[in-house]
N, C-alpha and C. Protein backbone atom coordinates (compact mmCIF):
# COMPACT_ATOMS: atom_id res chain seq x y z
N MET A 1 -25.47 -9.13 7.19
CA MET A 1 -25.30 -7.68 7.31
C MET A 1 -26.34 -6.98 6.44
N PHE A 2 -26.79 -5.82 6.91
CA PHE A 2 -27.83 -5.06 6.21
C PHE A 2 -27.39 -3.59 6.12
N THR A 3 -28.20 -2.78 5.45
CA THR A 3 -27.86 -1.37 5.32
C THR A 3 -28.88 -0.45 5.99
N GLY A 4 -29.98 -1.02 6.48
CA GLY A 4 -30.98 -0.19 7.13
C GLY A 4 -31.93 0.49 6.18
N LEU A 5 -31.97 0.05 4.91
CA LEU A 5 -32.92 0.58 3.93
C LEU A 5 -34.03 -0.44 3.75
N VAL A 6 -35.17 -0.17 4.34
CA VAL A 6 -36.30 -1.11 4.32
C VAL A 6 -36.81 -1.31 2.90
N GLN A 7 -37.04 -2.58 2.54
CA GLN A 7 -37.46 -2.91 1.18
C GLN A 7 -38.95 -3.15 1.04
N THR A 8 -39.59 -3.62 2.10
CA THR A 8 -41.03 -3.85 2.06
C THR A 8 -41.53 -4.02 3.48
N LEU A 9 -42.84 -4.09 3.63
CA LEU A 9 -43.45 -4.33 4.93
C LEU A 9 -44.03 -5.73 4.98
N GLY A 10 -44.16 -6.26 6.19
CA GLY A 10 -44.72 -7.59 6.35
C GLY A 10 -45.43 -7.72 7.67
N THR A 11 -45.98 -8.89 7.90
CA THR A 11 -46.60 -9.22 9.19
C THR A 11 -45.92 -10.45 9.75
N ILE A 12 -46.09 -10.67 11.04
CA ILE A 12 -45.48 -11.82 11.69
C ILE A 12 -46.51 -12.48 12.59
N LYS A 13 -46.50 -13.83 12.61
CA LYS A 13 -47.40 -14.54 13.52
C LYS A 13 -46.72 -15.82 13.99
N PRO A 14 -46.99 -16.21 15.24
CA PRO A 14 -46.39 -17.44 15.78
C PRO A 14 -47.05 -18.67 15.19
N LEU A 15 -46.25 -19.71 14.98
CA LEU A 15 -46.76 -20.99 14.47
C LEU A 15 -46.65 -22.09 15.52
N GLY A 16 -46.19 -21.74 16.69
CA GLY A 16 -45.98 -22.74 17.73
C GLY A 16 -44.51 -23.03 17.88
N GLY A 17 -44.07 -23.28 19.10
CA GLY A 17 -42.65 -23.48 19.34
C GLY A 17 -41.90 -22.20 19.07
N ASP A 18 -40.76 -22.33 18.38
CA ASP A 18 -39.95 -21.16 18.04
C ASP A 18 -40.20 -20.67 16.62
N SER A 19 -41.16 -21.27 15.91
CA SER A 19 -41.38 -20.95 14.51
C SER A 19 -42.32 -19.76 14.34
N TRP A 20 -41.98 -18.92 13.37
CA TRP A 20 -42.76 -17.73 13.08
C TRP A 20 -42.92 -17.58 11.58
N GLN A 21 -44.09 -17.15 11.16
CA GLN A 21 -44.35 -16.92 9.75
C GLN A 21 -44.32 -15.43 9.47
N ILE A 22 -43.48 -15.05 8.51
CA ILE A 22 -43.38 -13.66 8.09
C ILE A 22 -43.97 -13.56 6.70
N THR A 23 -44.92 -12.66 6.51
CA THR A 23 -45.63 -12.53 5.24
C THR A 23 -45.48 -11.12 4.70
N CYS A 24 -45.04 -11.00 3.44
CA CYS A 24 -44.94 -9.70 2.79
C CYS A 24 -46.34 -9.23 2.42
N VAL A 25 -46.57 -7.92 2.47
CA VAL A 25 -47.95 -7.46 2.33
C VAL A 25 -48.18 -6.43 1.23
N ASN A 26 -47.15 -5.99 0.54
CA ASN A 26 -47.42 -4.99 -0.50
C ASN A 26 -46.72 -5.33 -1.80
N GLN A 27 -46.90 -4.48 -2.80
CA GLN A 27 -46.44 -4.78 -4.16
C GLN A 27 -44.92 -4.86 -4.29
N SER A 28 -44.21 -4.25 -3.37
CA SER A 28 -42.75 -4.29 -3.45
C SER A 28 -42.17 -5.56 -2.85
N SER A 29 -43.03 -6.53 -2.49
CA SER A 29 -42.55 -7.76 -1.86
C SER A 29 -41.62 -8.55 -2.77
N ASN A 30 -41.72 -8.35 -4.09
CA ASN A 30 -40.85 -9.09 -4.99
C ASN A 30 -39.38 -8.77 -4.77
N VAL A 31 -39.09 -7.61 -4.19
CA VAL A 31 -37.71 -7.26 -3.88
C VAL A 31 -37.11 -8.26 -2.90
N ILE A 32 -37.93 -8.71 -1.97
CA ILE A 32 -37.50 -9.70 -1.00
C ILE A 32 -37.58 -11.10 -1.58
N MET A 33 -38.67 -11.41 -2.27
CA MET A 33 -38.98 -12.78 -2.65
C MET A 33 -38.30 -13.26 -3.92
N GLN A 34 -37.85 -12.35 -4.80
CA GLN A 34 -37.40 -12.77 -6.12
C GLN A 34 -36.21 -13.72 -6.10
N ASP A 35 -35.30 -13.56 -5.15
CA ASP A 35 -34.16 -14.49 -5.10
C ASP A 35 -33.93 -15.02 -3.70
N LEU A 36 -34.99 -15.03 -2.88
CA LEU A 36 -34.88 -15.54 -1.52
C LEU A 36 -34.57 -17.03 -1.55
N ALA A 37 -33.63 -17.46 -0.73
CA ALA A 37 -33.21 -18.86 -0.71
C ALA A 37 -33.17 -19.39 0.72
N TYR A 38 -33.26 -20.69 0.83
CA TYR A 38 -33.15 -21.35 2.13
C TYR A 38 -31.82 -20.96 2.78
N GLY A 39 -31.87 -20.56 4.04
CA GLY A 39 -30.67 -20.18 4.77
C GLY A 39 -30.31 -18.71 4.68
N ASP A 40 -31.04 -17.95 3.85
CA ASP A 40 -30.78 -16.51 3.75
C ASP A 40 -31.14 -15.80 5.05
N SER A 41 -30.57 -14.62 5.23
CA SER A 41 -30.90 -13.77 6.37
C SER A 41 -31.82 -12.64 5.93
N VAL A 42 -32.81 -12.36 6.74
CA VAL A 42 -33.72 -11.24 6.50
C VAL A 42 -33.87 -10.48 7.81
N ALA A 43 -33.76 -9.16 7.74
CA ALA A 43 -33.98 -8.34 8.93
C ALA A 43 -35.47 -8.09 9.08
N VAL A 44 -36.02 -8.48 10.21
CA VAL A 44 -37.44 -8.30 10.52
C VAL A 44 -37.53 -7.30 11.67
N ASP A 45 -37.90 -6.08 11.35
CA ASP A 45 -37.87 -4.99 12.33
C ASP A 45 -36.50 -4.88 12.97
N GLY A 46 -35.47 -5.11 12.18
CA GLY A 46 -34.10 -4.97 12.66
C GLY A 46 -33.50 -6.20 13.27
N VAL A 47 -34.27 -7.29 13.35
CA VAL A 47 -33.78 -8.54 13.93
C VAL A 47 -33.41 -9.50 12.81
N CYS A 48 -32.18 -9.97 12.79
CA CYS A 48 -31.72 -10.89 11.76
C CYS A 48 -32.30 -12.28 12.01
N LEU A 49 -33.13 -12.76 11.06
CA LEU A 49 -33.71 -14.09 11.14
C LEU A 49 -33.28 -14.90 9.92
N THR A 50 -33.19 -16.21 10.09
CA THR A 50 -32.75 -17.09 9.02
C THR A 50 -33.95 -17.79 8.38
N VAL A 51 -34.00 -17.75 7.06
CA VAL A 51 -35.10 -18.38 6.30
C VAL A 51 -34.98 -19.89 6.38
N GLU A 52 -36.02 -20.54 6.89
CA GLU A 52 -36.02 -21.99 7.01
C GLU A 52 -36.99 -22.66 6.04
N GLU A 53 -37.95 -21.91 5.57
CA GLU A 53 -38.91 -22.42 4.58
C GLU A 53 -39.46 -21.23 3.80
N ILE A 54 -39.55 -21.38 2.49
CA ILE A 54 -40.03 -20.29 1.64
C ILE A 54 -41.49 -20.54 1.26
N LEU A 55 -42.30 -19.53 1.43
CA LEU A 55 -43.72 -19.59 1.09
C LEU A 55 -43.99 -18.73 -0.14
N LYS A 56 -45.22 -18.74 -0.61
CA LYS A 56 -45.56 -17.98 -1.81
C LYS A 56 -45.29 -16.49 -1.62
N ASP A 57 -45.64 -15.96 -0.47
CA ASP A 57 -45.48 -14.53 -0.24
C ASP A 57 -44.76 -14.23 1.07
N GLY A 58 -43.89 -15.15 1.48
CA GLY A 58 -43.15 -14.93 2.71
C GLY A 58 -42.25 -16.10 3.05
N PHE A 59 -42.00 -16.29 4.32
CA PHE A 59 -41.09 -17.35 4.74
C PHE A 59 -41.33 -17.68 6.21
N ILE A 60 -40.75 -18.79 6.63
CA ILE A 60 -40.82 -19.22 8.02
C ILE A 60 -39.41 -19.16 8.61
N ALA A 61 -39.32 -18.67 9.82
CA ALA A 61 -38.02 -18.54 10.49
C ALA A 61 -38.19 -18.89 11.96
N THR A 62 -37.06 -19.12 12.61
CA THR A 62 -37.06 -19.38 14.04
C THR A 62 -36.66 -18.12 14.79
N ALA A 63 -37.47 -17.78 15.79
CA ALA A 63 -37.13 -16.69 16.70
C ALA A 63 -37.11 -17.30 18.10
N SER A 64 -35.93 -17.49 18.64
CA SER A 64 -35.78 -18.20 19.90
C SER A 64 -36.32 -17.36 21.07
N PRO A 65 -36.58 -18.00 22.21
CA PRO A 65 -37.01 -17.25 23.39
C PRO A 65 -36.04 -16.14 23.76
N GLU A 66 -34.76 -16.37 23.57
CA GLU A 66 -33.75 -15.33 23.85
C GLU A 66 -33.96 -14.12 22.96
N THR A 67 -34.20 -14.37 21.66
CA THR A 67 -34.45 -13.26 20.72
C THR A 67 -35.72 -12.51 21.11
N LEU A 68 -36.76 -13.23 21.45
CA LEU A 68 -38.03 -12.60 21.80
C LEU A 68 -37.91 -11.79 23.08
N SER A 69 -37.07 -12.24 24.00
CA SER A 69 -36.94 -11.52 25.27
C SER A 69 -36.12 -10.25 25.13
N ARG A 70 -35.29 -10.16 24.11
CA ARG A 70 -34.41 -9.01 23.94
C ARG A 70 -34.89 -8.03 22.88
N THR A 71 -35.96 -8.39 22.17
CA THR A 71 -36.46 -7.54 21.09
C THR A 71 -37.96 -7.35 21.25
N THR A 72 -38.54 -6.64 20.30
CA THR A 72 -39.98 -6.40 20.35
C THR A 72 -40.79 -7.48 19.66
N LEU A 73 -40.15 -8.45 19.03
CA LEU A 73 -40.89 -9.41 18.21
C LEU A 73 -41.91 -10.21 19.02
N GLY A 74 -41.62 -10.43 20.29
CA GLY A 74 -42.52 -11.23 21.10
C GLY A 74 -43.66 -10.45 21.72
N LEU A 75 -43.68 -9.14 21.53
CA LEU A 75 -44.72 -8.31 22.13
C LEU A 75 -46.00 -8.39 21.29
N GLU A 76 -47.12 -8.50 21.95
CA GLU A 76 -48.39 -8.61 21.24
C GLU A 76 -48.67 -7.38 20.39
N GLU A 77 -48.31 -6.19 20.90
CA GLU A 77 -48.55 -4.97 20.13
C GLU A 77 -47.74 -4.95 18.86
N THR A 78 -46.54 -5.53 18.89
CA THR A 78 -45.70 -5.58 17.70
C THR A 78 -46.29 -6.52 16.65
N GLN A 79 -46.79 -7.65 17.09
CA GLN A 79 -47.33 -8.63 16.16
C GLN A 79 -48.60 -8.14 15.47
N GLN A 80 -49.19 -7.09 15.98
CA GLN A 80 -50.41 -6.55 15.39
C GLN A 80 -50.14 -5.41 14.42
N ARG A 81 -48.87 -5.09 14.19
CA ARG A 81 -48.56 -4.01 13.27
C ARG A 81 -47.62 -4.52 12.18
N TYR A 82 -47.39 -3.70 11.19
CA TYR A 82 -46.49 -4.07 10.11
C TYR A 82 -45.04 -4.09 10.58
N MET A 83 -44.26 -4.99 9.96
CA MET A 83 -42.85 -5.13 10.28
C MET A 83 -42.01 -4.66 9.09
N ASN A 84 -40.88 -4.03 9.38
CA ASN A 84 -39.95 -3.64 8.32
C ASN A 84 -39.11 -4.85 7.90
N LEU A 85 -39.00 -5.06 6.59
CA LEU A 85 -38.24 -6.20 6.07
C LEU A 85 -37.12 -5.72 5.15
N GLU A 86 -35.96 -6.33 5.30
CA GLU A 86 -34.82 -6.05 4.42
C GLU A 86 -34.01 -7.32 4.22
N ALA A 87 -33.76 -7.69 2.98
CA ALA A 87 -32.89 -8.83 2.69
C ALA A 87 -31.44 -8.45 2.97
N SER A 88 -30.61 -9.45 3.22
CA SER A 88 -29.22 -9.19 3.56
C SER A 88 -28.47 -8.55 2.39
N LEU A 89 -27.42 -7.83 2.72
CA LEU A 89 -26.61 -7.11 1.73
C LEU A 89 -25.87 -8.10 0.85
N ARG A 90 -25.94 -7.90 -0.45
CA ARG A 90 -25.21 -8.72 -1.41
C ARG A 90 -23.90 -8.04 -1.79
N VAL A 91 -22.88 -8.84 -2.08
CA VAL A 91 -21.60 -8.29 -2.50
C VAL A 91 -21.80 -7.45 -3.76
N GLY A 92 -21.30 -6.23 -3.75
CA GLY A 92 -21.44 -5.34 -4.89
C GLY A 92 -22.66 -4.45 -4.82
N SER A 93 -23.54 -4.68 -3.83
CA SER A 93 -24.72 -3.84 -3.69
C SER A 93 -24.36 -2.48 -3.09
N LYS A 94 -25.22 -1.50 -3.32
CA LYS A 94 -25.00 -0.18 -2.75
C LYS A 94 -25.26 -0.21 -1.25
N VAL A 95 -24.44 0.54 -0.51
CA VAL A 95 -24.66 0.72 0.91
C VAL A 95 -25.24 2.11 1.10
N GLY A 96 -26.57 2.19 1.04
CA GLY A 96 -27.22 3.50 1.08
C GLY A 96 -27.43 4.03 2.48
N GLY A 97 -27.41 3.15 3.49
CA GLY A 97 -27.61 3.58 4.86
C GLY A 97 -26.31 3.50 5.63
N HIS A 98 -26.24 2.58 6.61
CA HIS A 98 -24.98 2.30 7.30
C HIS A 98 -24.96 0.80 7.60
N PHE A 99 -23.84 0.30 8.07
CA PHE A 99 -23.73 -1.14 8.32
C PHE A 99 -24.59 -1.51 9.54
N VAL A 100 -25.62 -2.31 9.27
CA VAL A 100 -26.54 -2.78 10.31
C VAL A 100 -26.38 -4.29 10.41
N MET A 101 -26.10 -4.78 11.60
CA MET A 101 -25.80 -6.20 11.77
C MET A 101 -27.05 -7.06 11.98
N GLY A 102 -28.15 -6.44 12.39
CA GLY A 102 -29.33 -7.22 12.71
C GLY A 102 -29.28 -7.83 14.09
N HIS A 103 -28.34 -7.35 14.92
CA HIS A 103 -28.20 -7.81 16.29
C HIS A 103 -28.67 -6.68 17.21
N VAL A 104 -29.92 -6.75 17.60
CA VAL A 104 -30.53 -5.68 18.39
C VAL A 104 -29.84 -5.56 19.75
N ASP A 105 -29.49 -4.34 20.12
CA ASP A 105 -28.83 -4.09 21.40
C ASP A 105 -29.83 -3.94 22.54
N GLY A 106 -31.03 -3.52 22.22
CA GLY A 106 -32.04 -3.31 23.24
C GLY A 106 -33.25 -2.62 22.64
N VAL A 107 -34.19 -2.30 23.49
CA VAL A 107 -35.42 -1.67 23.02
C VAL A 107 -35.59 -0.29 23.65
N GLY A 108 -36.26 0.60 22.90
CA GLY A 108 -36.61 1.92 23.40
C GLY A 108 -38.07 2.18 23.14
N ARG A 109 -38.49 3.38 23.47
CA ARG A 109 -39.91 3.73 23.27
C ARG A 109 -40.01 5.08 22.58
N LEU A 110 -41.04 5.19 21.74
CA LEU A 110 -41.33 6.47 21.11
C LEU A 110 -41.93 7.42 22.15
N ILE A 111 -41.36 8.61 22.22
CA ILE A 111 -41.90 9.63 23.13
C ILE A 111 -42.88 10.53 22.41
N ALA A 112 -42.47 11.01 21.23
CA ALA A 112 -43.34 11.93 20.50
C ALA A 112 -42.95 11.97 19.04
N THR A 113 -43.92 12.30 18.19
CA THR A 113 -43.70 12.54 16.76
C THR A 113 -44.26 13.91 16.42
N GLU A 114 -43.45 14.71 15.76
CA GLU A 114 -43.89 16.05 15.37
C GLU A 114 -43.62 16.26 13.89
N GLN A 115 -44.66 16.60 13.15
CA GLN A 115 -44.50 16.85 11.72
C GLN A 115 -44.03 18.28 11.51
N THR A 116 -42.98 18.42 10.69
CA THR A 116 -42.47 19.74 10.33
C THR A 116 -42.76 19.98 8.85
N ALA A 117 -42.23 21.07 8.33
CA ALA A 117 -42.47 21.39 6.92
C ALA A 117 -41.83 20.38 5.98
N THR A 118 -40.73 19.75 6.42
CA THR A 118 -39.98 18.88 5.52
C THR A 118 -39.81 17.45 6.02
N SER A 119 -40.22 17.17 7.26
CA SER A 119 -39.95 15.84 7.81
C SER A 119 -40.83 15.59 9.03
N TRP A 120 -40.61 14.41 9.62
CA TRP A 120 -41.22 14.08 10.91
C TRP A 120 -40.08 13.95 11.91
N GLU A 121 -40.15 14.70 13.00
CA GLU A 121 -39.15 14.59 14.06
C GLU A 121 -39.68 13.63 15.11
N MET A 122 -38.94 12.54 15.33
CA MET A 122 -39.37 11.50 16.25
C MET A 122 -38.36 11.36 17.37
N THR A 123 -38.85 11.37 18.59
CA THR A 123 -37.98 11.28 19.77
C THR A 123 -38.22 9.96 20.48
N PHE A 124 -37.12 9.28 20.80
CA PHE A 124 -37.17 7.96 21.43
C PHE A 124 -36.34 7.94 22.71
N THR A 125 -36.69 7.03 23.61
CA THR A 125 -35.82 6.72 24.73
C THR A 125 -34.81 5.67 24.27
N ALA A 126 -33.71 5.57 25.01
CA ALA A 126 -32.69 4.56 24.72
C ALA A 126 -32.06 4.10 26.02
N PRO A 127 -31.95 2.80 26.25
CA PRO A 127 -31.28 2.33 27.46
C PRO A 127 -29.81 2.75 27.44
N GLU A 128 -29.22 2.84 28.61
CA GLU A 128 -27.85 3.34 28.72
C GLU A 128 -26.87 2.52 27.91
N ALA A 129 -27.10 1.21 27.81
CA ALA A 129 -26.19 0.35 27.06
C ALA A 129 -26.10 0.75 25.60
N ILE A 130 -27.16 1.39 25.06
CA ILE A 130 -27.16 1.84 23.67
C ILE A 130 -26.83 3.32 23.59
N ALA A 131 -27.27 4.07 24.59
CA ALA A 131 -27.12 5.53 24.56
C ALA A 131 -25.66 5.96 24.43
N ARG A 132 -24.75 5.17 24.95
CA ARG A 132 -23.35 5.58 24.90
C ARG A 132 -22.78 5.56 23.49
N TYR A 133 -23.50 4.93 22.54
CA TYR A 133 -23.06 4.92 21.15
C TYR A 133 -23.74 6.01 20.32
N ILE A 134 -24.63 6.77 20.92
CA ILE A 134 -25.39 7.77 20.18
C ILE A 134 -24.65 9.09 20.17
N VAL A 135 -24.42 9.62 18.97
CA VAL A 135 -23.78 10.93 18.83
C VAL A 135 -24.56 11.72 17.79
N PRO A 136 -24.68 13.03 17.98
CA PRO A 136 -25.37 13.85 16.97
C PRO A 136 -24.74 13.68 15.59
N LYS A 137 -25.57 13.53 14.60
CA LYS A 137 -25.19 13.30 13.20
C LYS A 137 -24.66 11.89 12.96
N GLY A 138 -24.63 11.08 13.99
CA GLY A 138 -24.23 9.69 13.82
C GLY A 138 -25.41 8.83 13.38
N SER A 139 -25.17 7.54 13.22
CA SER A 139 -26.21 6.62 12.73
C SER A 139 -26.74 5.74 13.85
N ILE A 140 -28.02 5.39 13.74
CA ILE A 140 -28.64 4.43 14.64
C ILE A 140 -29.72 3.70 13.85
N ALA A 141 -29.94 2.43 14.17
CA ALA A 141 -31.00 1.66 13.52
C ALA A 141 -32.19 1.57 14.46
N VAL A 142 -33.35 2.03 13.98
CA VAL A 142 -34.60 1.97 14.73
C VAL A 142 -35.55 1.07 13.96
N ASN A 143 -35.91 -0.07 14.56
CA ASN A 143 -36.71 -1.08 13.84
C ASN A 143 -36.06 -1.45 12.50
N GLY A 144 -34.74 -1.47 12.49
CA GLY A 144 -34.00 -1.86 11.30
C GLY A 144 -33.82 -0.76 10.28
N ILE A 145 -34.26 0.47 10.59
CA ILE A 145 -34.16 1.59 9.66
C ILE A 145 -32.91 2.41 9.98
N SER A 146 -32.08 2.66 9.00
CA SER A 146 -30.91 3.50 9.18
C SER A 146 -31.35 4.96 9.27
N LEU A 147 -31.11 5.57 10.43
CA LEU A 147 -31.50 6.95 10.66
C LEU A 147 -30.33 7.75 11.21
N THR A 148 -30.36 9.04 10.96
CA THR A 148 -29.32 9.94 11.45
C THR A 148 -29.82 10.65 12.69
N VAL A 149 -28.99 10.66 13.72
CA VAL A 149 -29.35 11.31 14.98
C VAL A 149 -29.30 12.82 14.81
N ALA A 150 -30.43 13.47 15.02
CA ALA A 150 -30.49 14.94 14.91
C ALA A 150 -30.11 15.60 16.23
N ALA A 151 -30.47 14.98 17.34
CA ALA A 151 -30.17 15.53 18.66
C ALA A 151 -30.13 14.41 19.68
N TYR A 152 -29.33 14.61 20.73
CA TYR A 152 -29.21 13.61 21.78
C TYR A 152 -29.15 14.32 23.13
N GLU A 153 -30.02 13.91 24.04
CA GLU A 153 -30.05 14.48 25.38
C GLU A 153 -29.55 13.42 26.35
N ALA A 154 -28.27 13.50 26.70
CA ALA A 154 -27.64 12.47 27.51
C ALA A 154 -28.24 12.36 28.90
N GLU A 155 -28.64 13.50 29.47
CA GLU A 155 -29.13 13.49 30.85
C GLU A 155 -30.44 12.72 31.00
N VAL A 156 -31.22 12.62 29.93
CA VAL A 156 -32.49 11.89 30.01
C VAL A 156 -32.52 10.67 29.09
N LEU A 157 -31.38 10.36 28.46
CA LEU A 157 -31.25 9.20 27.58
C LEU A 157 -32.32 9.19 26.50
N GLN A 158 -32.39 10.30 25.78
CA GLN A 158 -33.34 10.44 24.67
C GLN A 158 -32.62 10.95 23.43
N PHE A 159 -33.09 10.53 22.27
CA PHE A 159 -32.53 11.03 21.03
C PHE A 159 -33.65 11.32 20.05
N THR A 160 -33.37 12.22 19.11
CA THR A 160 -34.34 12.62 18.10
C THR A 160 -33.78 12.38 16.72
N VAL A 161 -34.62 11.88 15.82
CA VAL A 161 -34.24 11.69 14.42
C VAL A 161 -35.22 12.45 13.54
N ALA A 162 -34.73 12.94 12.42
CA ALA A 162 -35.59 13.60 11.44
C ALA A 162 -35.83 12.62 10.31
N VAL A 163 -37.08 12.24 10.11
CA VAL A 163 -37.45 11.20 9.13
C VAL A 163 -38.03 11.87 7.90
N ILE A 164 -37.41 11.61 6.74
CA ILE A 164 -37.89 12.21 5.50
C ILE A 164 -39.21 11.56 5.09
N PRO A 165 -40.02 12.24 4.26
CA PRO A 165 -41.33 11.69 3.87
C PRO A 165 -41.26 10.30 3.26
N LEU A 166 -40.26 10.02 2.42
CA LEU A 166 -40.15 8.71 1.78
C LEU A 166 -40.00 7.61 2.82
N THR A 167 -39.11 7.81 3.77
CA THR A 167 -38.89 6.80 4.81
C THR A 167 -40.12 6.65 5.69
N TYR A 168 -40.75 7.75 6.02
CA TYR A 168 -41.95 7.71 6.87
C TYR A 168 -43.07 6.94 6.17
N ALA A 169 -43.22 7.13 4.86
CA ALA A 169 -44.30 6.48 4.11
C ALA A 169 -44.04 5.01 3.86
N ASP A 170 -42.75 4.62 3.71
CA ASP A 170 -42.42 3.26 3.30
C ASP A 170 -42.05 2.33 4.44
N THR A 171 -42.10 2.78 5.68
CA THR A 171 -41.74 1.96 6.83
C THR A 171 -42.87 1.96 7.85
N ASN A 172 -42.66 1.22 8.93
CA ASN A 172 -43.71 1.17 9.95
C ASN A 172 -43.62 2.31 10.95
N LEU A 173 -42.73 3.26 10.74
CA LEU A 173 -42.65 4.39 11.65
C LEU A 173 -43.97 5.15 11.71
N ARG A 174 -44.68 5.18 10.59
CA ARG A 174 -45.93 5.95 10.56
C ARG A 174 -47.03 5.33 11.41
N TYR A 175 -46.84 4.07 11.80
CA TYR A 175 -47.85 3.40 12.62
C TYR A 175 -47.55 3.51 14.12
N LEU A 176 -46.39 4.04 14.46
CA LEU A 176 -46.03 4.13 15.87
C LEU A 176 -46.80 5.25 16.57
N VAL A 177 -47.10 5.03 17.83
CA VAL A 177 -47.74 6.04 18.66
C VAL A 177 -46.88 6.19 19.92
N PRO A 178 -47.01 7.31 20.62
CA PRO A 178 -46.23 7.47 21.86
C PRO A 178 -46.40 6.26 22.77
N GLY A 179 -45.28 5.73 23.21
CA GLY A 179 -45.28 4.53 24.04
C GLY A 179 -44.95 3.26 23.29
N SER A 180 -44.99 3.31 21.95
CA SER A 180 -44.65 2.12 21.15
C SER A 180 -43.20 1.71 21.38
N TRP A 181 -42.99 0.41 21.51
CA TRP A 181 -41.64 -0.11 21.66
C TRP A 181 -40.96 -0.24 20.30
N VAL A 182 -39.65 -0.03 20.25
CA VAL A 182 -38.88 -0.17 19.01
C VAL A 182 -37.57 -0.89 19.31
N ASN A 183 -37.06 -1.60 18.30
CA ASN A 183 -35.75 -2.23 18.40
C ASN A 183 -34.66 -1.21 18.06
N LEU A 184 -33.60 -1.22 18.83
CA LEU A 184 -32.50 -0.28 18.62
C LEU A 184 -31.18 -1.04 18.46
N GLU A 185 -30.40 -0.60 17.49
CA GLU A 185 -29.04 -1.14 17.30
C GLU A 185 -28.07 0.01 17.12
N GLY A 186 -27.07 0.08 17.98
CA GLY A 186 -26.06 1.12 17.88
C GLY A 186 -25.12 0.87 16.71
N ASP A 187 -24.44 1.91 16.30
CA ASP A 187 -23.52 1.83 15.16
C ASP A 187 -22.34 0.92 15.50
N ILE A 188 -22.11 -0.09 14.66
CA ILE A 188 -21.03 -1.04 14.90
C ILE A 188 -19.66 -0.36 14.94
N LEU A 189 -19.50 0.72 14.18
CA LEU A 189 -18.22 1.42 14.19
C LEU A 189 -17.92 2.01 15.56
N GLY A 190 -18.96 2.55 16.20
CA GLY A 190 -18.77 3.09 17.54
C GLY A 190 -18.38 2.01 18.53
N LYS A 191 -18.90 0.81 18.36
CA LYS A 191 -18.57 -0.28 19.28
C LYS A 191 -17.10 -0.68 19.15
N TYR A 192 -16.60 -0.70 17.91
CA TYR A 192 -15.19 -1.05 17.72
C TYR A 192 -14.27 0.04 18.25
N VAL A 193 -14.62 1.30 18.04
CA VAL A 193 -13.82 2.40 18.59
C VAL A 193 -13.77 2.28 20.10
N GLU A 194 -14.91 2.02 20.72
CA GLU A 194 -14.96 1.86 22.17
C GLU A 194 -14.05 0.71 22.62
N LYS A 195 -14.07 -0.38 21.89
CA LYS A 195 -13.25 -1.54 22.23
C LYS A 195 -11.77 -1.20 22.16
N PHE A 196 -11.36 -0.43 21.14
CA PHE A 196 -9.95 -0.06 20.99
C PHE A 196 -9.52 0.93 22.07
N LEU A 197 -10.42 1.82 22.45
CA LEU A 197 -10.07 2.82 23.46
C LEU A 197 -9.99 2.23 24.86
N TYR A 198 -10.80 1.20 25.12
CA TYR A 198 -10.85 0.62 26.46
C TYR A 198 -10.61 -0.88 26.42
N PRO A 199 -9.43 -1.33 25.96
CA PRO A 199 -9.17 -2.77 25.89
C PRO A 199 -9.17 -3.40 27.28
N GLY A 200 -9.93 -4.48 27.39
CA GLY A 200 -9.95 -5.20 28.66
C GLY A 200 -10.81 -4.58 29.72
N LYS A 201 -11.52 -3.49 29.40
CA LYS A 201 -12.36 -2.82 30.38
C LYS A 201 -13.83 -3.00 30.03
N GLN A 202 -14.66 -2.69 30.99
CA GLN A 202 -16.09 -2.64 30.76
C GLN A 202 -16.44 -1.22 30.37
N PRO A 203 -16.68 -0.94 29.09
CA PRO A 203 -16.89 0.44 28.64
C PRO A 203 -17.99 1.18 29.36
N ALA A 204 -19.03 0.49 29.75
CA ALA A 204 -20.17 1.18 30.35
C ALA A 204 -19.83 1.78 31.70
N THR A 205 -18.79 1.25 32.37
CA THR A 205 -18.46 1.74 33.70
C THR A 205 -17.13 2.48 33.72
N SER A 206 -16.46 2.61 32.58
CA SER A 206 -15.17 3.28 32.54
C SER A 206 -15.34 4.77 32.80
N THR A 207 -14.42 5.34 33.58
CA THR A 207 -14.48 6.77 33.89
C THR A 207 -13.35 7.54 33.22
N ASP A 208 -12.57 6.89 32.35
CA ASP A 208 -11.49 7.59 31.66
C ASP A 208 -12.07 8.71 30.81
N GLU A 209 -11.46 9.87 30.85
CA GLU A 209 -11.90 10.99 30.04
C GLU A 209 -11.21 10.94 28.69
N ILE A 210 -11.97 11.03 27.63
CA ILE A 210 -11.41 11.02 26.28
C ILE A 210 -11.03 12.46 25.93
N THR A 211 -9.73 12.72 25.92
CA THR A 211 -9.22 14.05 25.62
C THR A 211 -8.29 13.95 24.43
N PRO A 212 -7.89 15.09 23.82
CA PRO A 212 -6.90 15.04 22.73
C PRO A 212 -5.61 14.32 23.14
N THR A 213 -5.19 14.52 24.39
CA THR A 213 -3.98 13.84 24.88
C THR A 213 -4.18 12.33 24.93
N PHE A 214 -5.34 11.93 25.44
CA PHE A 214 -5.65 10.51 25.52
C PHE A 214 -5.66 9.88 24.13
N LEU A 215 -6.29 10.55 23.17
CA LEU A 215 -6.35 10.02 21.80
C LEU A 215 -4.96 9.93 21.19
N ALA A 216 -4.13 10.95 21.41
CA ALA A 216 -2.77 10.94 20.88
C ALA A 216 -1.95 9.79 21.44
N GLU A 217 -2.10 9.52 22.73
CA GLU A 217 -1.37 8.44 23.36
C GLU A 217 -1.78 7.07 22.83
N HIS A 218 -2.97 6.99 22.30
CA HIS A 218 -3.47 5.72 21.80
C HIS A 218 -3.49 5.66 20.27
N GLY A 219 -2.75 6.58 19.64
CA GLY A 219 -2.54 6.50 18.20
C GLY A 219 -3.64 7.06 17.34
N TYR A 220 -4.54 7.89 17.89
CA TYR A 220 -5.65 8.42 17.10
C TYR A 220 -5.40 9.84 16.58
N LEU A 221 -4.31 10.47 16.98
CA LEU A 221 -3.99 11.81 16.47
C LEU A 221 -2.54 11.85 15.99
């Protein structure tokens, strides 16, 4: 489990087979490397990977064909840019973002970035399987970064986040251009609420209307 607060940037390259080398690239890499151990989990652009070998300034992990097919890690454009890295949450650590599992739900694309007086407003597409978990002021993980949804346009499956200067400077968001692919993970809390509201159903195709009466009947009011 992670919190969506990126600790450092890194690069990734294939070593053959399912093995990949992740290398930390800046001075804050000690945050990741200082107590990294065999078998630890590290979020790489939001994808939870297991450390199989520790190197001087990085580690080796397995990214299976299934992982590569469902995330951006296997894309050539992704391998040519910096990756967001975060070590797994330790017991007693601060949860500064939101609970991020490292299980990417799907990929979206950057539509536009607009700099404002206080932030960067970034708009992304989201597949329907993820879009149903997006709510204004709710949380979403983009490339493993915990972000707050500023706006959501359901009819076109797009959402906008306001990125503060610190996050923009310390993550790979600043390297994205319109059309760049990103990993998306919906809020785990929303998934559990959906499961409780629609037991035994396929939430994506359910047509039940969520009303105050419906919530009361199911113990939520």
